[in-house]
């Protein structure tokens, strides 16, 4: 609820990494690991901002932030085929109106 993100190992109650205020204090609505690239995850905050984290590029801050300006996004999920090497990765965004928006992720965050 405060924008903090924690990375846990299943065998420990203590986080391996913790990023406080990672969304400028906005609650985290959804977080999902990339299906095609293990070190990348995406975060959606309550202000409809999407943050891209690539832990191999920078493990302190997100490598990109994208605002979804038109209306509130209530959830997101990732689309892709991890068994294929095409690097095709998409984000499905569900908006408050019921509209679904699908956006494709840049290849540098999608290629295995």
PDB file of N, CA and C in Angstrom:
ATOM      1  N   UNK A   1       0.811  -1.218   0.000  1.00  0.00           N
ATOM      2  CA  UNK A   1       0.000   0.000   0.000  1.00  0.00           C
ATOM      3  C   UNK A   1       0.849   1.275   0.000  1.00  0.00           C
ATOM      4  N   UNK A   2       2.138   1.160   0.314  1.00  0.00           N
ATOM      5  CA  UNK A   2       2.986   2.362   0.367  1.00  0.00           C
ATOM      6  C   UNK A   2       3.989   2.432  -0.786  1.00  0.00           C
ATOM      7  N   UNK A   3       3.898   1.525  -1.730  1.00  0.00           N
ATOM      8  CA  UNK A   3       4.794   1.536  -2.882  1.00  0.00           C
ATOM      9  C   UNK A   3       6.069   0.742  -2.697  1.00  0.00           C
ATOM     10  N   UNK A   4       6.208   0.035  -1.585  1.00  0.00           N
ATOM     11  CA  UNK A   4       7.401  -0.784  -1.364  1.00  0.00           C
ATOM     12  C   UNK A   4       7.272  -2.114  -2.101  1.00  0.00           C
ATOM     13  N   UNK A   5       8.410  -2.584  -2.608  1.00  0.00           N
ATOM     14  CA  UNK A   5       8.472  -3.878  -3.288  1.00  0.00           C
ATOM     15  C   UNK A   5       9.548  -4.696  -2.598  1.00  0.00           C
ATOM     16  N   UNK A   6       9.248  -5.957  -2.346  1.00  0.00           N
ATOM     17  CA  UNK A   6      10.217  -6.863  -1.719  1.00  0.00           C
ATOM     18  C   UNK A   6      10.411  -8.089  -2.593  1.00  0.00           C
ATOM     19  N   UNK A   7      11.665  -8.517  -2.690  1.00  0.00           N
ATOM     20  CA  UNK A   7      12.005  -9.738  -3.403  1.00  0.00           C
ATOM     21  C   UNK A   7      12.393 -10.774  -2.365  1.00  0.00           C
ATOM     22  N   UNK A   8      11.619 -11.865  -2.312  1.00  0.00           N
ATOM     23  CA  UNK A   8      11.850 -12.903  -1.311  1.00  0.00           C
ATOM     24  C   UNK A   8      12.362 -14.188  -1.943  1.00  0.00           C
ATOM     25  N   UNK A   9      13.113 -14.925  -1.158  1.00  0.00           N
ATOM     26  CA  UNK A   9      13.475 -16.296  -1.487  1.00  0.00           C
ATOM     27  C   UNK A   9      12.518 -17.174  -0.678  1.00  0.00           C
ATOM     28  N   UNK A  10      12.070 -18.238  -1.259  1.00  0.00           N
ATOM     29  CA  UNK A  10      11.048 -19.068  -0.615  1.00  0.00           C
ATOM     30  C   UNK A  10      11.500 -19.651   0.722  1.00  0.00           C
ATOM     31  N   UNK A  11      12.782 -19.766   0.956  1.00  0.00           N
ATOM     32  CA  UNK A  11      13.284 -20.405   2.170  1.00  0.00           C
ATOM     33  C   UNK A  11      13.534 -19.433   3.317  1.00  0.00           C
ATOM     34  N   UNK A  12      13.209 -18.146   3.129  1.00  0.00           N
ATOM     35  CA  UNK A  12      13.489 -17.163   4.175  1.00  0.00           C
ATOM     36  C   UNK A  12      12.345 -16.172   4.309  1.00  0.00           C
ATOM     37  N   UNK A  13      12.089 -15.767   5.548  1.00  0.00           N
ATOM     38  CA  UNK A  13      11.048 -14.760   5.765  1.00  0.00           C
ATOM     39  C   UNK A  13      11.570 -13.355   5.511  1.00  0.00           C
ATOM     40  N   UNK A  14      12.882 -13.201   5.387  1.00  0.00           N
ATOM     41  CA  UNK A  14      13.484 -11.892   5.160  1.00  0.00           C
ATOM     42  C   UNK A  14      13.724 -11.667   3.672  1.00  0.00           C
ATOM     43  N   UNK A  15      13.456 -10.464   3.164  1.00  0.00           N
ATOM     44  CA  UNK A  15      13.633 -10.219   1.728  1.00  0.00           C
ATOM     45  C   UNK A  15      15.108 -10.189   1.322  1.00  0.00           C
ATOM     46  N   UNK A  16      15.374 -10.657   0.103  1.00  0.00           N
ATOM     47  CA  UNK A  16      16.716 -10.537  -0.478  1.00  0.00           C
ATOM     48  C   UNK A  16      16.991  -9.086  -0.841  1.00  0.00           C
ATOM     49  N   UNK A  17      15.963  -8.412  -1.353  1.00  0.00           N
ATOM     50  CA  UNK A  17      16.042  -6.992  -1.733  1.00  0.00           C
ATOM     51  C   UNK A  17      14.737  -6.328  -1.323  1.00  0.00           C
ATOM     52  N   UNK A  18      14.830  -5.054  -1.031  1.00  0.00           N
ATOM     53  CA  UNK A  18      13.629  -4.279  -0.740  1.00  0.00           C
ATOM     54  C   UNK A  18      13.805  -2.884  -1.320  1.00  0.00           C
ATOM     55  N   UNK A  19      12.797  -2.441  -2.069  1.00  0.00           N
ATOM     56  CA  UNK A  19      12.817  -1.114  -2.648  1.00  0.00           C
ATOM     57  C   UNK A  19      11.682  -0.322  -2.012  1.00  0.00           C
ATOM     58  N   UNK A  20      12.029   0.605  -1.130  1.00  0.00           N
ATOM     59  CA  UNK A  20      11.033   1.441  -0.465  1.00  0.00           C
ATOM     60  C   UNK A  20      10.627   2.584  -1.384  1.00  0.00           C
ATOM     61  N   UNK A  21       9.364   2.949  -1.321  1.00  0.00           N
ATOM     62  CA  UNK A  21       8.844   4.088  -2.075  1.00  0.00           C
ATOM     63  C   UNK A  21       9.152   3.974  -3.562  1.00  0.00           C
ATOM     64  N   UNK A  22       9.093   2.766  -4.095  1.00  0.00           N
ATOM     65  CA  UNK A  22       9.465   2.535  -5.492  1.00  0.00           C
ATOM     66  C   UNK A  22       8.486   3.153  -6.484  1.00  0.00           C
ATOM     67  N   UNK A  23       7.291   3.518  -6.021  1.00  0.00           N
ATOM     68  CA  UNK A  23       6.275   4.119  -6.885  1.00  0.00           C
ATOM     69  C   UNK A  23       5.895   5.516  -6.391  1.00  0.00           C
ATOM     70  N   UNK A  24       6.833   6.184  -5.766  1.00  0.00           N
ATOM     71  CA  UNK A  24       6.582   7.522  -5.197  1.00  0.00           C
ATOM     72  C   UNK A  24       5.417   7.513  -4.219  1.00  0.00           C
ATOM     73  N   UNK A  25       5.299   6.430  -3.467  1.00  0.00           N
ATOM     74  CA  UNK A  25       4.274   6.329  -2.436  1.00  0.00           C
ATOM     75  C   UNK A  25       2.928   5.823  -2.902  1.00  0.00           C
ATOM     76  N   UNK A  26       2.760   5.613  -4.197  1.00  0.00           N
ATOM     77  CA  UNK A  26       1.484   5.104  -4.715  1.00  0.00           C
ATOM     78  C   UNK A  26       1.373   3.606  -4.429  1.00  0.00           C
ATOM     79  N   UNK A  27       0.184   3.128  -4.055  1.00  0.00           N
ATOM     80  CA  UNK A  27       0.012   1.688  -3.833  1.00  0.00           C
ATOM     81  C   UNK A  27       0.310   0.879  -5.095  1.00  0.00           C
ATOM     82  N   UNK A  28       0.901  -0.287  -4.908  1.00  0.00           N
ATOM     83  CA  UNK A  28       1.155  -1.212  -6.004  1.00  0.00           C
ATOM     84  C   UNK A  28      -0.129  -2.002  -6.254  1.00  0.00           C
ATOM     85  N   UNK A  29      -0.619  -1.942  -7.491  1.00  0.00           N
ATOM     86  CA  UNK A  29      -1.848  -2.640  -7.867  1.00  0.00           C
ATOM     87  C   UNK A  29      -1.537  -4.037  -8.396  1.00  0.00           C
ATOM     88  N   UNK A  30      -0.472  -4.146  -9.200  1.00  0.00           N
ATOM     89  CA  UNK A  30      -0.102  -5.434  -9.795  1.00  0.00           C
ATOM     90  C   UNK A  30       1.404  -5.469 -10.018  1.00  0.00           C
ATOM     91  N   UNK A  31       1.961  -6.664  -9.920  1.00  0.00           N
ATOM     92  CA  UNK A  31       3.375  -6.899 -10.198  1.00  0.00           C
ATOM     93  C   UNK A  31       3.471  -8.249 -10.868  1.00  0.00           C
ATOM     94  N   UNK A  32       4.219  -8.309 -11.971  1.00  0.00           N
ATOM     95  CA  UNK A  32       4.357  -9.588 -12.662  1.00  0.00           C
ATOM     96  C   UNK A  32       5.728  -9.681 -13.313  1.00  0.00           C
ATOM     97  N   UNK A  33       6.334 -10.863 -13.179  1.00  0.00           N
ATOM     98  CA  UNK A  33       7.613 -11.149 -13.832  1.00  0.00           C
ATOM     99  C   UNK A  33       7.375 -11.325 -15.322  1.00  0.00           C
ATOM    100  N   UNK A  34       8.348 -10.905 -16.127  1.00  0.00           N
ATOM    101  CA  UNK A  34       8.291 -11.123 -17.569  1.00  0.00           C
ATOM    102  C   UNK A  34       8.294 -12.623 -17.842  1.00  0.00           C
ATOM    103  N   UNK A  35       7.524 -13.041 -18.820  1.00  0.00           N
ATOM    104  CA  UNK A  35       7.422 -14.460 -19.164  1.00  0.00           C
ATOM    105  C   UNK A  35       8.629 -14.929 -19.971  1.00  0.00           C
ATOM    106  N   UNK A  36       9.320 -14.001 -20.615  1.00  0.00           N
ATOM    107  CA  UNK A  36      10.387 -14.367 -21.537  1.00  0.00           C
ATOM    108  C   UNK A  36      11.777 -13.982 -21.040  1.00  0.00           C
ATOM    109  N   UNK A  37      11.861 -13.214 -19.970  1.00  0.00           N
ATOM    110  CA  UNK A  37      13.163 -12.729 -19.485  1.00  0.00           C
ATOM    111  C   UNK A  37      13.143 -12.725 -17.960  1.00  0.00           C
ATOM    112  N   UNK A  38      13.840 -13.638 -17.307  1.00  0.00           N
ATOM    113  CA  UNK A  38      13.719 -13.849 -15.867  1.00  0.00           C
ATOM    114  C   UNK A  38      14.086 -12.671 -14.960  1.00  0.00           C
ATOM    115  N   UNK A  39      14.931 -11.759 -15.391  1.00  0.00           N
ATOM    116  CA  UNK A  39      15.365 -10.665 -14.512  1.00  0.00           C
ATOM    117  C   UNK A  39      14.500  -9.415 -14.641  1.00  0.00           C
ATOM    118  N   UNK A  40      13.431  -9.486 -15.416  1.00  0.00           N
ATOM    119  CA  UNK A  40      12.590  -8.313 -15.673  1.00  0.00           C
ATOM    120  C   UNK A  40      11.210  -8.513 -15.045  1.00  0.00           C
ATOM    121  N   UNK A  41      10.743  -7.461 -14.358  1.00  0.00           N
ATOM    122  CA  UNK A  41       9.359  -7.485 -13.883  1.00  0.00           C
ATOM    123  C   UNK A  41       8.716  -6.123 -14.086  1.00  0.00           C
ATOM    124  N   UNK A  42       7.388  -6.123 -14.068  1.00  0.00           N
ATOM    125  CA  UNK A  42       6.593  -4.931 -14.343  1.00  0.00           C
ATOM    126  C   UNK A  42       5.702  -4.643 -13.141  1.00  0.00           C
ATOM    127  N   UNK A  43       5.554  -3.363 -12.829  1.00  0.00           N
ATOM    128  CA  UNK A  43       4.756  -2.943 -11.684  1.00  0.00           C
ATOM    129  C   UNK A  43       3.733  -1.912 -12.163  1.00  0.00           C
ATOM    130  N   UNK A  44       2.490  -2.078 -11.744  1.00  0.00           N
ATOM    131  CA  UNK A  44       1.432  -1.099 -12.004  1.00  0.00           C
ATOM    132  C   UNK A  44       1.078  -0.449 -10.683  1.00  0.00           C
ATOM    133  N   UNK A  45       1.064   0.899 -10.643  1.00  0.00           N
ATOM    134  CA  UNK A  45       0.678   1.585  -9.406  1.00  0.00           C
ATOM    135  C   UNK A  45      -0.740   2.154  -9.524  1.00  0.00           C
ATOM    136  N   UNK A  46      -1.252   2.688  -8.431  1.00  0.00           N
ATOM    137  CA  UNK A  46      -2.628   3.190  -8.366  1.00  0.00           C
ATOM    138  C   UNK A  46      -2.858   4.427  -9.224  1.00  0.00           C
ATOM    139  N   UNK A  47      -1.797   5.074  -9.689  1.00  0.00           N
ATOM    140  CA  UNK A  47      -1.922   6.239 -10.571  1.00  0.00           C
ATOM    141  C   UNK A  47      -1.785   5.870 -12.044  1.00  0.00           C
ATOM    142  N   UNK A  48      -1.902   4.587 -12.355  1.00  0.00           N
ATOM    143  CA  UNK A  48      -1.815   4.069 -13.724  1.00  0.00           C
ATOM    144  C   UNK A  48      -0.450   4.295 -14.361  1.00  0.00           C
ATOM    145  N   UNK A  49       0.599   4.171 -13.568  1.00  0.00           N
ATOM    146  CA  UNK A  49       1.966   4.192 -14.081  1.00  0.00           C
ATOM    147  C   UNK A  49       2.476   2.757 -14.123  1.00  0.00           C
ATOM    148  N   UNK A  50       3.204   2.428 -15.190  1.00  0.00           N
ATOM    149  CA  UNK A  50       3.830   1.119 -15.307  1.00  0.00           C
ATOM    150  C   UNK A  50       5.335   1.317 -15.200  1.00  0.00           C
ATOM    151  N   UNK A  51       5.957   0.573 -14.301  1.00  0.00           N
ATOM    152  CA  UNK A  51       7.399   0.632 -14.079  1.00  0.00           C
ATOM    153  C   UNK A  51       8.014  -0.657 -14.601  1.00  0.00           C
ATOM    154  N   UNK A  52       9.118  -0.531 -15.325  1.00  0.00           N
ATOM    155  CA  UNK A  52       9.850  -1.692 -15.827  1.00  0.00           C
ATOM    156  C   UNK A  52      11.130  -1.811 -15.010  1.00  0.00           C
ATOM    157  N   UNK A  53      11.313  -2.960 -14.397  1.00  0.00           N
ATOM    158  CA  UNK A  53      12.518  -3.252 -13.629  1.00  0.00           C
ATOM    159  C   UNK A  53      13.319  -4.316 -14.372  1.00  0.00           C
ATOM    160  N   UNK A  54      14.583  -4.041 -14.643  1.00  0.00           N
ATOM    161  CA  UNK A  54      15.491  -5.030 -15.219  1.00  0.00           C
ATOM    162  C   UNK A  54      16.656  -5.150 -14.243  1.00  0.00           C
ATOM    163  N   UNK A  55      16.637  -6.186 -13.435  1.00  0.00           N
ATOM    164  CA  UNK A  55      17.616  -6.337 -12.358  1.00  0.00           C
ATOM    165  C   UNK A  55      19.042  -6.541 -12.870  1.00  0.00           C
ATOM    166  N   UNK A  56      19.190  -6.968 -14.124  1.00  0.00           N
ATOM    167  CA  UNK A  56      20.540  -7.105 -14.686  1.00  0.00           C
ATOM    168  C   UNK A  56      21.101  -5.755 -15.134  1.00  0.00           C
ATOM    169  N   UNK A  57      20.217  -4.825 -15.450  1.00  0.00           N
ATOM    170  CA  UNK A  57      20.653  -3.492 -15.866  1.00  0.00           C
ATOM    171  C   UNK A  57      20.801  -2.546 -14.680  1.00  0.00           C
ATOM    172  N   UNK A  58      19.843  -2.583 -13.755  1.00  0.00           N
ATOM    173  CA  UNK A  58      19.874  -1.704 -12.583  1.00  0.00           C
ATOM    174  C   UNK A  58      19.038  -2.355 -11.487  1.00  0.00           C
ATOM    175  N   UNK A  59      19.667  -2.682 -10.367  1.00  0.00           N
ATOM    176  CA  UNK A  59      18.899  -3.318  -9.284  1.00  0.00           C
ATOM    177  C   UNK A  59      18.500  -2.327  -8.193  1.00  0.00           C
ATOM    178  N   UNK A  60      18.669  -1.027  -8.453  1.00  0.00           N
ATOM    179  CA  UNK A  60      18.286  -0.005  -7.476  1.00  0.00           C
ATOM    180  C   UNK A  60      17.019   0.750  -7.869  1.00  0.00           C
ATOM    181  N   UNK A  61      16.810   0.927  -9.168  1.00  0.00           N
ATOM    182  CA  UNK A  61      15.694   1.732  -9.664  1.00  0.00           C
ATOM    183  C   UNK A  61      15.080   1.077 -10.899  1.00  0.00           C
ATOM    184  N   UNK A  62      13.831   1.422 -11.212  1.00  0.00           N
ATOM    185  CA  UNK A  62      13.265   0.925 -12.467  1.00  0.00           C
ATOM    186  C   UNK A  62      14.024   1.524 -13.658  1.00  0.00           C
ATOM    187  N   UNK A  63      14.088   0.778 -14.744  1.00  0.00           N
ATOM    188  CA  UNK A  63      14.787   1.255 -15.939  1.00  0.00           C
ATOM    189  C   UNK A  63      13.878   2.083 -16.839  1.00  0.00           C
ATOM    190  N   UNK A  64      12.565   2.012 -16.602  1.00  0.00           N
ATOM    191  CA  UNK A  64      11.622   2.807 -17.389  1.00  0.00           C
ATOM    192  C   UNK A  64      10.327   2.986 -16.608  1.00  0.00           C
ATOM    193  N   UNK A  65       9.626   4.062 -16.953  1.00  0.00           N
ATOM    194  CA  UNK A  65       8.310   4.341 -16.369  1.00  0.00           C
ATOM    195  C   UNK A  65       7.425   4.852 -17.503  1.00  0.00           C
ATOM    196  N   UNK A  66       6.215   4.315 -17.584  1.00  0.00           N
ATOM    197  CA  UNK A  66       5.274   4.732 -18.617  1.00  0.00           C
ATOM    198  C   UNK A  66       3.928   5.038 -17.965  1.00  0.00           C
ATOM    199  N   UNK A  67       3.424   6.245 -18.167  1.00  0.00           N
ATOM    200  CA  UNK A  67       2.107   6.613 -17.659  1.00  0.00           C
ATOM    201  C   UNK A  67       1.048   6.196 -18.674  1.00  0.00           C
ATOM    202  N   UNK A  68      -0.088   5.752 -18.178  1.00  0.00           N
ATOM    203  CA  UNK A  68      -1.240   5.454 -19.028  1.00  0.00           C
ATOM    204  C   UNK A  68      -2.241   6.585 -18.761  1.00  0.00           C
ATOM    205  N   UNK A  69      -2.254   7.615 -19.614  1.00  0.00           N
ATOM    206  CA  UNK A  69      -2.941   8.860 -19.293  1.00  0.00           C
ATOM    207  C   UNK A  69      -4.458   8.876 -19.433  1.00  0.00           C
ATOM    208  N   UNK A  70      -5.039   8.024 -20.262  1.00  0.00           N
ATOM    209  CA  UNK A  70      -6.451   8.196 -20.617  1.00  0.00           C
ATOM    210  C   UNK A  70      -7.427   7.942 -19.473  1.00  0.00           C
ATOM    211  N   UNK A  71      -7.262   6.867 -18.730  1.00  0.00           N
ATOM    212  CA  UNK A  71      -8.149   6.574 -17.603  1.00  0.00           C
ATOM    213  C   UNK A  71      -7.473   5.575 -16.676  1.00  0.00           C
ATOM    214  N   UNK A  72      -8.075   5.349 -15.516  1.00  0.00           N
ATOM    215  CA  UNK A  72      -7.457   4.454 -14.528  1.00  0.00           C
ATOM    216  C   UNK A  72      -7.374   3.019 -15.024  1.00  0.00           C
ATOM    217  N   UNK A  73      -6.184   2.452 -14.836  1.00  0.00           N
ATOM    218  CA  UNK A  73      -5.965   1.038 -15.127  1.00  0.00           C
ATOM    219  C   UNK A  73      -6.150   0.293 -13.811  1.00  0.00           C
ATOM    220  N   UNK A  74      -7.008  -0.728 -13.803  1.00  0.00           N
ATOM    221  CA  UNK A  74      -7.315  -1.433 -12.558  1.00  0.00           C
ATOM    222  C   UNK A  74      -6.477  -2.688 -12.354  1.00  0.00           C
ATOM    223  N   UNK A  75      -5.962  -3.263 -13.456  1.00  0.00           N
ATOM    224  CA  UNK A  75      -5.059  -4.406 -13.326  1.00  0.00           C
ATOM    225  C   UNK A  75      -4.320  -4.620 -14.634  1.00  0.00           C
ATOM    226  N   UNK A  76      -3.305  -5.471 -14.584  1.00  0.00           N
ATOM    227  CA  UNK A  76      -2.546  -5.808 -15.787  1.00  0.00           C
ATOM    228  C   UNK A  76      -2.127  -7.268 -15.713  1.00  0.00           C
ATOM    229  N   UNK A  77      -1.836  -7.825 -16.878  1.00  0.00           N
ATOM    230  CA  UNK A  77      -1.238  -9.144 -16.960  1.00  0.00           C
ATOM    231  C   UNK A  77      -0.326  -9.165 -18.180  1.00  0.00           C
ATOM    232  N   UNK A  78       0.647 -10.045 -18.161  1.00  0.00           N
ATOM    233  CA  UNK A  78       1.589 -10.139 -19.269  1.00  0.00           C
ATOM    234  C   UNK A  78       1.213 -11.282 -20.194  1.00  0.00           C
ATOM    235  N   UNK A  79       1.473 -11.076 -21.474  1.00  0.00           N
ATOM    236  CA  UNK A  79       1.176 -12.061 -22.506  1.00  0.00           C
ATOM    237  C   UNK A  79       2.460 -12.396 -23.237  1.00  0.00           C
ATOM    238  N   UNK A  80       2.707 -13.651 -23.456  1.00  0.00           N
ATOM    239  CA  UNK A  80       3.905 -14.041 -24.186  1.00  0.00           C
ATOM    240  C   UNK A  80       4.050 -15.547 -24.209  1.00  0.00           C
ATOM    241  N   UNK A  81       5.021 -16.006 -24.967  1.00  0.00           N
ATOM    242  CA  UNK A  81       5.284 -17.429 -25.074  1.00  0.00           C
ATOM    243  C   UNK A  81       6.735 -17.683 -24.692  1.00  0.00           C
ATOM    244  N   UNK A  82       6.981 -18.062 -23.439  1.00  0.00           N
ATOM    245  CA  UNK A  82       8.356 -18.223 -22.978  1.00  0.00           C
ATOM    246  C   UNK A  82       9.145 -19.286 -23.724  1.00  0.00           C
ATOM    247  N   UNK A  83       8.464 -20.247 -24.329  1.00  0.00           N
ATOM    248  CA  UNK A  83       9.184 -21.312 -25.032  1.00  0.00           C
ATOM    249  C   UNK A  83       9.674 -20.873 -26.410  1.00  0.00           C
ATOM    250  N   UNK A  84       9.217 -19.718 -26.890  1.00  0.00           N
ATOM    251  CA  UNK A  84       9.654 -19.218 -28.196  1.00  0.00           C
ATOM    252  C   UNK A  84      10.710 -18.131 -27.999  1.00  0.00           C
ATOM    253  N   UNK A  85      11.647 -18.049 -28.922  1.00  0.00           N
ATOM    254  CA  UNK A  85      12.743 -17.084 -28.795  1.00  0.00           C
ATOM    255  C   UNK A  85      12.487 -15.790 -29.553  1.00  0.00           C
ATOM    256  N   UNK A  86      11.246 -15.563 -29.980  1.00  0.00           N
ATOM    257  CA  UNK A  86      10.913 -14.357 -30.748  1.00  0.00           C
ATOM    258  C   UNK A  86      10.995 -13.097 -29.888  1.00  0.00           C
ATOM    259  N   UNK A  87      10.893 -13.257 -28.574  1.00  0.00           N
ATOM    260  CA  UNK A  87      10.953 -12.103 -27.697  1.00  0.00           C
ATOM    261  C   UNK A  87       9.694 -11.262 -27.719  1.00  0.00           C
ATOM    262  N   UNK A  88       8.576 -11.861 -28.114  1.00  0.00           N
ATOM    263  CA  UNK A  88       7.312 -11.133 -28.155  1.00  0.00           C
ATOM    264  C   UNK A  88       6.681 -11.159 -26.766  1.00  0.00           C
ATOM    265  N   UNK A  89       6.478  -9.973 -26.203  1.00  0.00           N
ATOM    266  CA  UNK A  89       5.901  -9.853 -24.867  1.00  0.00           C
ATOM    267  C   UNK A  89       4.932  -8.683 -24.868  1.00  0.00           C
ATOM    268  N   UNK A  90       3.738  -8.913 -24.376  1.00  0.00           N
ATOM    269  CA  UNK A  90       2.734  -7.857 -24.339  1.00  0.00           C
ATOM    270  C   UNK A  90       2.186  -7.669 -22.939  1.00  0.00           C
ATOM    271  N   UNK A  91       1.597  -6.504 -22.729  1.00  0.00           N
ATOM    272  CA  UNK A  91       0.936  -6.193 -21.459  1.00  0.00           C
ATOM    273  C   UNK A  91      -0.531  -5.917 -21.763  1.00  0.00           C
ATOM    274  N   UNK A  92      -1.411  -6.656 -21.118  1.00  0.00           N
ATOM    275  CA  UNK A  92      -2.845  -6.404 -21.231  1.00  0.00           C
ATOM    276  C   UNK A  92      -3.256  -5.554 -20.037  1.00  0.00           C
ATOM    277  N   UNK A  93      -3.824  -4.390 -20.323  1.00  0.00           N
ATOM    278  CA  UNK A  93      -4.244  -3.445 -19.282  1.00  0.00           C
ATOM    279  C   UNK A  93      -5.768  -3.392 -19.244  1.00  0.00           C
ATOM    280  N   UNK A  94      -6.347  -3.640 -18.085  1.00  0.00           N
ATOM    281  CA  UNK A  94      -7.796  -3.541 -17.908  1.00  0.00           C
ATOM    282  C   UNK A  94      -8.110  -2.180 -17.311  1.00  0.00           C
ATOM    283  N   UNK A  95      -8.920  -1.405 -18.025  1.00  0.00           N
ATOM    284  CA  UNK A  95      -9.249  -0.052 -17.593  1.00  0.00           C
ATOM    285  C   UNK A  95     -10.572  -0.035 -16.837  1.00  0.00           C
ATOM    286  N   UNK A  96     -10.784   1.027 -16.092  1.00  0.00           N
ATOM    287  CA  UNK A  96     -11.980   1.177 -15.264  1.00  0.00           C
ATOM    288  C   UNK A  96     -13.269   1.050 -16.072  1.00  0.00           C
ATOM    289  N   UNK A  97     -13.255   1.493 -17.317  1.00  0.00           N
ATOM    290  CA  UNK A  97     -14.438   1.453 -18.176  1.00  0.00           C
ATOM    291  C   UNK A  97     -14.760   0.044 -18.674  1.00  0.00           C
ATOM    292  N   UNK A  98     -13.839  -0.906 -18.461  1.00  0.00           N
ATOM    293  CA  UNK A  98     -14.012  -2.253 -18.960  1.00  0.00           C
ATOM    294  C   UNK A  98     -13.232  -2.500 -20.243  1.00  0.00           C
ATOM    295  N   UNK A  99     -12.631  -1.459 -20.797  1.00  0.00           N
ATOM    296  CA  UNK A  99     -11.833  -1.578 -22.014  1.00  0.00           C
ATOM    297  C   UNK A  99     -10.516  -2.284 -21.704  1.00  0.00           C
ATOM    298  N   UNK A 100     -10.065  -3.125 -22.626  1.00  0.00           N
ATOM    299  CA  UNK A 100      -8.784  -3.815 -22.518  1.00  0.00           C
ATOM    300  C   UNK A 100      -7.840  -3.204 -23.548  1.00  0.00           C
ATOM    301  N   UNK A 101      -6.659  -2.838 -23.112  1.00  0.00           N
ATOM    302  CA  UNK A 101      -5.647  -2.256 -23.990  1.00  0.00           C
ATOM    303  C   UNK A 101      -4.435  -3.185 -23.972  1.00  0.00           C
ATOM    304  N   UNK A 102      -3.935  -3.565 -25.132  1.00  0.00           N
ATOM    305  CA  UNK A 102      -2.752  -4.430 -25.209  1.00  0.00           C
ATOM    306  C   UNK A 102      -1.613  -3.642 -25.833  1.00  0.00           C
ATOM    307  N   UNK A 103      -0.494  -3.615 -25.121  1.00  0.00           N
ATOM    308  CA  UNK A 103       0.698  -2.920 -25.604  1.00  0.00           C
ATOM    309  C   UNK A 103       1.842  -3.912 -25.644  1.00  0.00           C
ATOM    310  N   UNK A 104       2.715  -3.744 -26.635  1.00  0.00           N
ATOM    311  CA  UNK A 104       3.877  -4.617 -26.744  1.00  0.00           C
ATOM    312  C   UNK A 104       5.077  -3.977 -26.094  1.00  0.00           C
ATOM    313  N   UNK A 105       5.914  -4.809 -25.486  1.00  0.00           N
ATOM    314  CA  UNK A 105       7.094  -4.371 -24.743  1.00  0.00           C
ATOM    315  C   UNK A 105       8.279  -4.322 -25.704  1.00  0.00           C
ATOM    316  N   UNK A 106       9.161  -3.354 -25.481  1.00  0.00           N
ATOM    317  CA  UNK A 106      10.379  -3.252 -26.299  1.00  0.00           C
ATOM    318  C   UNK A 106      11.160  -4.564 -26.234  1.00  0.00           C
ATOM    319  N   UNK A 107      11.780  -4.900 -27.344  1.00  0.00           N
ATOM    320  CA  UNK A 107      12.527  -6.160 -27.444  1.00  0.00           C
ATOM    321  C   UNK A 107      13.608  -6.294 -26.389  1.00  0.00           C
ATOM    322  N   UNK A 108      14.242  -5.182 -25.982  1.00  0.00           N
ATOM    323  CA  UNK A 108      15.346  -5.293 -25.026  1.00  0.00           C
ATOM    324  C   UNK A 108      14.879  -5.799 -23.664  1.00  0.00           C
ATOM    325  N   UNK A 109      13.599  -5.670 -23.343  1.00  0.00           N
ATOM    326  CA  UNK A 109      13.069  -6.190 -22.092  1.00  0.00           C
ATOM    327  C   UNK A 109      12.305  -7.497 -22.284  1.00  0.00           C
ATOM    328  N   UNK A 110      12.223  -7.964 -23.526  1.00  0.00           N
ATOM    329  CA  UNK A 110      11.454  -9.172 -23.805  1.00  0.00           C
ATOM    330  C   UNK A 110      12.289 -10.336 -24.316  1.00  0.00           C
ATOM    331  N   UNK A 111      13.408 -10.057 -24.982  1.00  0.00           N
ATOM    332  CA  UNK A 111      14.214 -11.147 -25.528  1.00  0.00           C
ATOM    333  C   UNK A 111      14.820 -12.000 -24.430  1.00  0.00           C
ATOM    334  N   UNK A 112      14.808 -13.320 -24.597  1.00  0.00           N
ATOM    335  CA  UNK A 112      15.390 -14.193 -23.572  1.00  0.00           C
ATOM    336  C   UNK A 112      16.892 -13.989 -23.422  1.00  0.00           C
TER     337      UNK A 112
END
